[in-house]
Amino acid sequence: MADMHEAIARRFTNVYICQTCNATNRCGSGKPNKCRKCGGKRFRLKKKKRKSAA
């Protein structure tokens, strides 16, 4: 199970999505200064997928 936790951490930590062009941006610490694709400055964290109730 340790491999699963490492994979989740790798996929979701320090990953931001540009709200202008939906590009994925990785940053070592904190938010990125600008988008790698469009140069925008508005970001959100990548959302984790929710488990289905059924």
PDB file of N, CA and C in Angstrom:
ATOM      1  N   MET A   1       0.807  -1.195   0.000  1.00  0.00           N
ATOM      2  CA  MET A   1       0.000   0.000   0.000  1.00  0.00           C
ATOM      3  C   MET A   1       0.853   1.262   0.000  1.00  0.00           C
ATOM      4  N   ALA A   2       2.104   1.153   0.374  1.00  0.00           N
ATOM      5  CA  ALA A   2       2.963   2.339   0.393  1.00  0.00           C
ATOM      6  C   ALA A   2       3.139   2.896  -1.016  1.00  0.00           C
ATOM      7  N   ASP A   3       3.161   2.011  -2.005  1.00  0.00           N
ATOM      8  CA  ASP A   3       3.314   2.476  -3.378  1.00  0.00           C
ATOM      9  C   ASP A   3       2.128   3.329  -3.813  1.00  0.00           C
ATOM     10  N   MET A   4       0.938   2.987  -3.342  1.00  0.00           N
ATOM     11  CA  MET A   4      -0.253   3.744  -3.704  1.00  0.00           C
ATOM     12  C   MET A   4      -0.185   5.155  -3.132  1.00  0.00           C
ATOM     13  N   HIS A   5       0.251   5.290  -1.873  1.00  0.00           N
ATOM     14  CA  HIS A   5       0.343   6.609  -1.250  1.00  0.00           C
ATOM     15  C   HIS A   5       1.405   7.461  -1.948  1.00  0.00           C
ATOM     16  N   GLU A   6       2.496   6.848  -2.343  1.00  0.00           N
ATOM     17  CA  GLU A   6       3.537   7.588  -3.059  1.00  0.00           C
ATOM     18  C   GLU A   6       3.026   8.060  -4.418  1.00  0.00           C
ATOM     19  N   ALA A   7       2.262   7.224  -5.085  1.00  0.00           N
ATOM     20  CA  ALA A   7       1.722   7.593  -6.395  1.00  0.00           C
ATOM     21  C   ALA A   7       0.727   8.744  -6.268  1.00  0.00           C
ATOM     22  N   ILE A   8      -0.114   8.721  -5.255  1.00  0.00           N
ATOM     23  CA  ILE A   8      -1.073   9.801  -5.044  1.00  0.00           C
ATOM     24  C   ILE A   8      -0.337  11.104  -4.733  1.00  0.00           C
ATOM     25  N   ALA A   9       0.689  11.023  -3.916  1.00  0.00           N
ATOM     26  CA  ALA A   9       1.467  12.223  -3.586  1.00  0.00           C
ATOM     27  C   ALA A   9       2.141  12.779  -4.830  1.00  0.00           C
ATOM     28  N   ARG A  10       2.628  11.926  -5.682  1.00  0.00           N
ATOM     29  CA  ARG A  10       3.312  12.370  -6.901  1.00  0.00           C
ATOM     30  C   ARG A  10       2.337  13.030  -7.869  1.00  0.00           C
ATOM     31  N   ARG A  11       1.113  12.547  -7.922  1.00  0.00           N
ATOM     32  CA  ARG A  11       0.139  13.073  -8.884  1.00  0.00           C
ATOM     33  C   ARG A  11      -0.516  14.371  -8.446  1.00  0.00           C
ATOM     34  N   PHE A  12      -0.660  14.591  -7.128  1.00  0.00           N
ATOM     35  CA  PHE A  12      -1.483  15.702  -6.676  1.00  0.00           C
ATOM     36  C   PHE A  12      -0.751  16.778  -5.883  1.00  0.00           C
ATOM     37  N   THR A  13       0.454  16.530  -5.374  1.00  0.00           N
ATOM     38  CA  THR A  13       1.121  17.569  -4.595  1.00  0.00           C
ATOM     39  C   THR A  13       1.894  18.487  -5.518  1.00  0.00           C
ATOM     40  N   ASN A  14       1.793  19.774  -5.261  1.00  0.00           N
ATOM     41  CA  ASN A  14       2.464  20.818  -6.038  1.00  0.00           C
ATOM     42  C   ASN A  14       2.078  20.793  -7.508  1.00  0.00           C
ATOM     43  N   VAL A  15       0.838  20.414  -7.814  1.00  0.00           N
ATOM     44  CA  VAL A  15       0.337  20.445  -9.188  1.00  0.00           C
ATOM     45  C   VAL A  15      -0.796  21.457  -9.242  1.00  0.00           C
ATOM     46  N   TYR A  16      -0.646  22.441 -10.097  1.00  0.00           N
ATOM     47  CA  TYR A  16      -1.621  23.506 -10.238  1.00  0.00           C
ATOM     48  C   TYR A  16      -2.163  23.512 -11.660  1.00  0.00           C
ATOM     49  N   ILE A  17      -3.427  23.941 -11.800  1.00  0.00           N
ATOM     50  CA  ILE A  17      -4.089  24.032 -13.088  1.00  0.00           C
ATOM     51  C   ILE A  17      -4.330  25.505 -13.390  1.00  0.00           C
ATOM     52  N   CYS A  18      -3.952  25.936 -14.583  1.00  0.00           N
ATOM     53  CA  CYS A  18      -4.198  27.308 -15.004  1.00  0.00           C
ATOM     54  C   CYS A  18      -5.692  27.466 -15.263  1.00  0.00           C
ATOM     55  N   GLN A  19      -6.283  28.539 -14.734  1.00  0.00           N
ATOM     56  CA  GLN A  19      -7.716  28.745 -14.905  1.00  0.00           C
ATOM     57  C   GLN A  19      -8.047  29.391 -16.242  1.00  0.00           C
ATOM     58  N   THR A  20      -7.038  29.818 -16.976  1.00  0.00           N
ATOM     59  CA  THR A  20      -7.265  30.412 -18.285  1.00  0.00           C
ATOM     60  C   THR A  20      -7.232  29.362 -19.389  1.00  0.00           C
ATOM     61  N   CYS A  21      -6.174  28.523 -19.384  1.00  0.00           N
ATOM     62  CA  CYS A  21      -5.999  27.572 -20.491  1.00  0.00           C
ATOM     63  C   CYS A  21      -6.023  26.109 -20.049  1.00  0.00           C
ATOM     64  N   ASN A  22      -6.233  25.836 -18.765  1.00  0.00           N
ATOM     65  CA  ASN A  22      -6.307  24.479 -18.207  1.00  0.00           C
ATOM     66  C   ASN A  22      -5.015  23.684 -18.368  1.00  0.00           C
ATOM     67  N   ALA A  23      -3.872  24.357 -18.455  1.00  0.00           N
ATOM     68  CA  ALA A  23      -2.590  23.662 -18.534  1.00  0.00           C
ATOM     69  C   ALA A  23      -2.169  23.217 -17.136  1.00  0.00           C
ATOM     70  N   THR A  24      -1.497  22.071 -17.065  1.00  0.00           N
ATOM     71  CA  THR A  24      -0.975  21.565 -15.807  1.00  0.00           C
ATOM     72  C   THR A  24       0.404  22.146 -15.571  1.00  0.00           C
ATOM     73  N   ASN A  25       0.602  22.725 -14.387  1.00  0.00           N
ATOM     74  CA  ASN A  25       1.875  23.337 -14.021  1.00  0.00           C
ATOM     75  C   ASN A  25       2.359  22.713 -12.723  1.00  0.00           C
ATOM     76  N   ARG A  26       3.593  22.231 -12.711  1.00  0.00           N
ATOM     77  CA  ARG A  26       4.193  21.719 -11.487  1.00  0.00           C
ATOM     78  C   ARG A  26       5.129  22.781 -10.931  1.00  0.00           C
ATOM     79  N   CYS A  27       5.173  22.838  -9.594  1.00  0.00           N
ATOM     80  CA  CYS A  27       6.049  23.801  -8.953  1.00  0.00           C
ATOM     81  C   CYS A  27       6.622  23.148  -7.705  1.00  0.00           C
ATOM     82  N   GLY A  28       7.916  23.349  -7.470  1.00  0.00           N
ATOM     83  CA  GLY A  28       8.578  22.739  -6.326  1.00  0.00           C
ATOM     84  C   GLY A  28       8.015  23.207  -4.998  1.00  0.00           C
ATOM     85  N   SER A  29       7.803  24.506  -4.846  1.00  0.00           N
ATOM     86  CA  SER A  29       7.275  25.024  -3.593  1.00  0.00           C
ATOM     87  C   SER A  29       6.392  26.237  -3.882  1.00  0.00           C
ATOM     88  N   GLY A  30       5.222  26.252  -3.298  1.00  0.00           N
ATOM     89  CA  GLY A  30       4.304  27.366  -3.504  1.00  0.00           C
ATOM     90  C   GLY A  30       3.666  27.347  -4.878  1.00  0.00           C
ATOM     91  N   LYS A  31       2.940  28.415  -5.185  1.00  0.00           N
ATOM     92  CA  LYS A  31       2.292  28.519  -6.487  1.00  0.00           C
ATOM     93  C   LYS A  31       3.297  28.955  -7.543  1.00  0.00           C
ATOM     94  N   PRO A  32       3.096  28.535  -8.779  1.00  0.00           N
ATOM     95  CA  PRO A  32       3.960  29.039  -9.856  1.00  0.00           C
ATOM     96  C   PRO A  32       3.692  30.520 -10.118  1.00  0.00           C
ATOM     97  N   ASN A  33       4.683  31.234 -10.625  1.00  0.00           N
ATOM     98  CA  ASN A  33       4.527  32.667 -10.900  1.00  0.00           C
ATOM     99  C   ASN A  33       3.676  32.920 -12.123  1.00  0.00           C
ATOM    100  N   LYS A  34       3.891  32.117 -13.188  1.00  0.00           N
ATOM    101  CA  LYS A  34       3.104  32.283 -14.401  1.00  0.00           C
ATOM    102  C   LYS A  34       2.943  30.935 -15.072  1.00  0.00           C
ATOM    103  N   CYS A  35       1.936  30.838 -15.923  1.00  0.00           N
ATOM    104  CA  CYS A  35       1.640  29.603 -16.639  1.00  0.00           C
ATOM    105  C   CYS A  35       2.706  29.352 -17.698  1.00  0.00           C
ATOM    106  N   ARG A  36       3.063  28.098 -17.869  1.00  0.00           N
ATOM    107  CA  ARG A  36       4.086  27.738 -18.853  1.00  0.00           C
ATOM    108  C   ARG A  36       3.565  27.865 -20.278  1.00  0.00           C
ATOM    109  N   LYS A  37       2.236  27.862 -20.446  1.00  0.00           N
ATOM    110  CA  LYS A  37       1.653  27.876 -21.777  1.00  0.00           C
ATOM    111  C   LYS A  37       1.166  29.261 -22.201  1.00  0.00           C
ATOM    112  N   CYS A  38       0.387  29.915 -21.332  1.00  0.00           N
ATOM    113  CA  CYS A  38      -0.229  31.179 -21.735  1.00  0.00           C
ATOM    114  C   CYS A  38       0.303  32.381 -20.970  1.00  0.00           C
ATOM    115  N   GLY A  39       1.058  32.161 -19.902  1.00  0.00           N
ATOM    116  CA  GLY A  39       1.591  33.270 -19.126  1.00  0.00           C
ATOM    117  C   GLY A  39       0.618  33.838 -18.108  1.00  0.00           C
ATOM    118  N   GLY A  40      -0.529  33.192 -17.925  1.00  0.00           N
ATOM    119  CA  GLY A  40      -1.526  33.659 -16.963  1.00  0.00           C
ATOM    120  C   GLY A  40      -1.055  33.491 -15.526  1.00  0.00           C
ATOM    121  N   LYS A  41      -1.745  34.158 -14.598  1.00  0.00           N
ATOM    122  CA  LYS A  41      -1.332  34.127 -13.198  1.00  0.00           C
ATOM    123  C   LYS A  41      -2.409  33.572 -12.277  1.00  0.00           C
ATOM    124  N   ARG A  42      -3.483  33.028 -12.832  1.00  0.00           N
ATOM    125  CA  ARG A  42      -4.563  32.480 -12.011  1.00  0.00           C
ATOM    126  C   ARG A  42      -4.457  30.959 -12.007  1.00  0.00           C
ATOM    127  N   PHE A  43      -4.334  30.365 -10.796  1.00  0.00           N
ATOM    128  CA  PHE A  43      -4.158  28.926 -10.656  1.00  0.00           C
ATOM    129  C   PHE A  43      -5.105  28.362  -9.611  1.00  0.00           C
ATOM    130  N   ARG A  44      -5.356  27.069  -9.719  1.00  0.00           N
ATOM    131  CA  ARG A  44      -6.064  26.320  -8.683  1.00  0.00           C
ATOM    132  C   ARG A  44      -5.324  25.010  -8.496  1.00  0.00           C
ATOM    133  N   LEU A  45      -5.498  24.379  -7.351  1.00  0.00           N
ATOM    134  CA  LEU A  45      -4.888  23.081  -7.108  1.00  0.00           C
ATOM    135  C   LEU A  45      -5.593  22.011  -7.925  1.00  0.00           C
ATOM    136  N   LYS A  46      -4.875  20.979  -8.298  1.00  0.00           N
ATOM    137  CA  LYS A  46      -5.496  19.858  -8.990  1.00  0.00           C
ATOM    138  C   LYS A  46      -6.376  19.105  -7.999  1.00  0.00           C
ATOM    139  N   LYS A  47      -7.600  18.810  -8.413  1.00  0.00           N
ATOM    140  CA  LYS A  47      -8.550  18.153  -7.516  1.00  0.00           C
ATOM    141  C   LYS A  47      -8.333  16.651  -7.527  1.00  0.00           C
ATOM    142  N   LYS A  48      -8.472  16.044  -6.344  1.00  0.00           N
ATOM    143  CA  LYS A  48      -8.401  14.599  -6.247  1.00  0.00           C
ATOM    144  C   LYS A  48      -9.745  14.020  -6.658  1.00  0.00           C
ATOM    145  N   LYS A  49      -9.731  12.881  -7.304  1.00  0.00           N
ATOM    146  CA  LYS A  49     -10.986  12.256  -7.726  1.00  0.00           C
ATOM    147  C   LYS A  49     -11.686  11.671  -6.512  1.00  0.00           C
ATOM    148  N   ARG A  50     -12.983  11.907  -6.460  1.00  0.00           N
ATOM    149  CA  ARG A  50     -13.771  11.375  -5.365  1.00  0.00           C
ATOM    150  C   ARG A  50     -14.144   9.924  -5.623  1.00  0.00           C
ATOM    151  N   LYS A  51     -14.198   9.134  -4.568  1.00  0.00           N
ATOM    152  CA  LYS A  51     -14.641   7.755  -4.707  1.00  0.00           C
ATOM    153  C   LYS A  51     -16.150   7.747  -4.870  1.00  0.00           C
ATOM    154  N   SER A  52     -16.647   6.883  -5.730  1.00  0.00           N
ATOM    155  CA  SER A  52     -18.083   6.828  -5.966  1.00  0.00           C
ATOM    156  C   SER A  52     -18.778   6.150  -4.765  1.00  0.00           C
ATOM    157  N   ALA A  53     -19.995   6.572  -4.498  1.00  0.00           N
ATOM    158  CA  ALA A  53     -20.742   6.047  -3.355  1.00  0.00           C
ATOM    159  C   ALA A  53     -21.321   4.671  -3.632  1.00  0.00           C
ATOM    160  N   ALA A  54     -21.536   4.358  -4.905  1.00  0.00           N
ATOM    161  CA  ALA A  54     -22.186   3.085  -5.237  1.00  0.00           C
ATOM    162  C   ALA A  54     -21.221   1.952  -5.343  1.00  0.00           C
TER     163      ALA A  54
END
